[in-house]
Amino acid sequence: MSNTIDPKELKILSDILALVLEEHAGQSENALAAIRARAKKNQVTGGALKNLFSAIAPNPPPRP
């Protein structure tokens, strides 16, 4: 696994986590469908996101 964080993977992961906390189910479902399409377009897999989360959870990168 690379030590660099793919910005596309990080964006998709952050969007998914935000949707988990979203209260409006209809909006969340529509947004999740859009995220799925973007992930497919960018060839980002669920495994890649899981690995990314595992990599950054114990030592998150500094905020810009």
Protein backbone atom coordinates (compact mmCIF):
# COMPACT_ATOMS: atom_id res chain seq x y z
CA MET A 1 0.00 0.00 0.00
CA SER A 2 1.26 3.48 -0.87
CA ASN A 3 2.02 6.07 1.80
CA THR A 4 0.27 8.78 -0.22
CA ILE A 5 -3.43 9.46 0.12
CA ASP A 6 -5.43 9.56 -3.11
CA PRO A 7 -7.55 12.74 -2.94
CA LYS A 8 -10.38 11.07 -4.89
CA GLU A 9 -10.53 8.19 -2.41
CA LEU A 10 -10.43 10.60 0.53
CA LYS A 11 -13.25 12.72 -0.93
CA ILE A 12 -15.46 9.68 -1.52
CA LEU A 13 -14.75 8.35 1.98
CA SER A 14 -15.54 11.70 3.60
CA ASP A 15 -18.77 12.01 1.60
CA ILE A 16 -19.86 8.53 2.69
CA LEU A 17 -19.11 9.26 6.34
CA ALA A 18 -21.08 12.52 6.11
CA LEU A 19 -24.05 10.64 4.68
CA VAL A 20 -23.99 8.16 7.55
CA LEU A 21 -24.72 11.09 9.87
CA GLU A 22 -27.31 12.68 7.57
CA GLU A 23 -30.85 12.78 8.94
CA HIS A 24 -32.76 13.07 5.66
CA ALA A 25 -33.02 9.56 4.22
CA GLY A 26 -34.21 10.56 0.73
CA GLN A 27 -31.40 13.04 0.22
CA SER A 28 -28.87 10.58 1.59
CA GLU A 29 -30.02 7.83 -0.78
CA ASN A 30 -29.74 10.13 -3.80
CA ALA A 31 -26.33 11.38 -2.74
CA LEU A 32 -25.12 7.84 -2.08
CA ALA A 33 -26.15 6.83 -5.60
CA ALA A 34 -24.12 9.76 -6.97
CA ILE A 35 -21.12 8.73 -4.84
CA ARG A 36 -21.39 5.16 -6.13
CA ALA A 37 -21.36 6.44 -9.71
CA ARG A 38 -18.34 8.67 -9.00
CA ALA A 39 -16.47 5.80 -7.32
CA LYS A 40 -17.19 3.53 -10.28
CA LYS A 41 -16.03 6.23 -12.72
CA ASN A 42 -12.80 6.74 -10.74
CA GLN A 43 -12.33 2.98 -10.25
CA VAL A 44 -12.37 3.31 -6.46
CA THR A 45 -13.37 0.08 -4.72
CA GLY A 46 -14.82 -0.51 -1.29
CA GLY A 47 -11.61 -2.32 -0.37
CA ALA A 48 -9.56 0.73 -1.32
CA LEU A 49 -11.72 2.92 0.92
CA LYS A 50 -11.44 0.43 3.77
CA ASN A 51 -7.65 0.42 3.41
CA LEU A 52 -7.60 4.22 3.28
CA PHE A 53 -9.68 4.48 6.45
CA SER A 54 -7.45 1.94 8.19
CA ALA A 55 -4.38 3.91 7.15
CA ILE A 56 -5.57 7.34 8.31
CA ALA A 57 -7.58 6.41 11.41
CA PRO A 58 -4.60 5.85 13.75
CA ASN A 59 -2.63 8.83 12.41
CA PRO A 60 -4.77 11.35 10.51
CA PRO A 61 -3.01 13.77 8.16
CA PRO A 62 -2.74 17.38 9.34
CA ARG A 63 -5.53 19.74 8.33
CA PRO A 64 -4.67 22.19 5.54
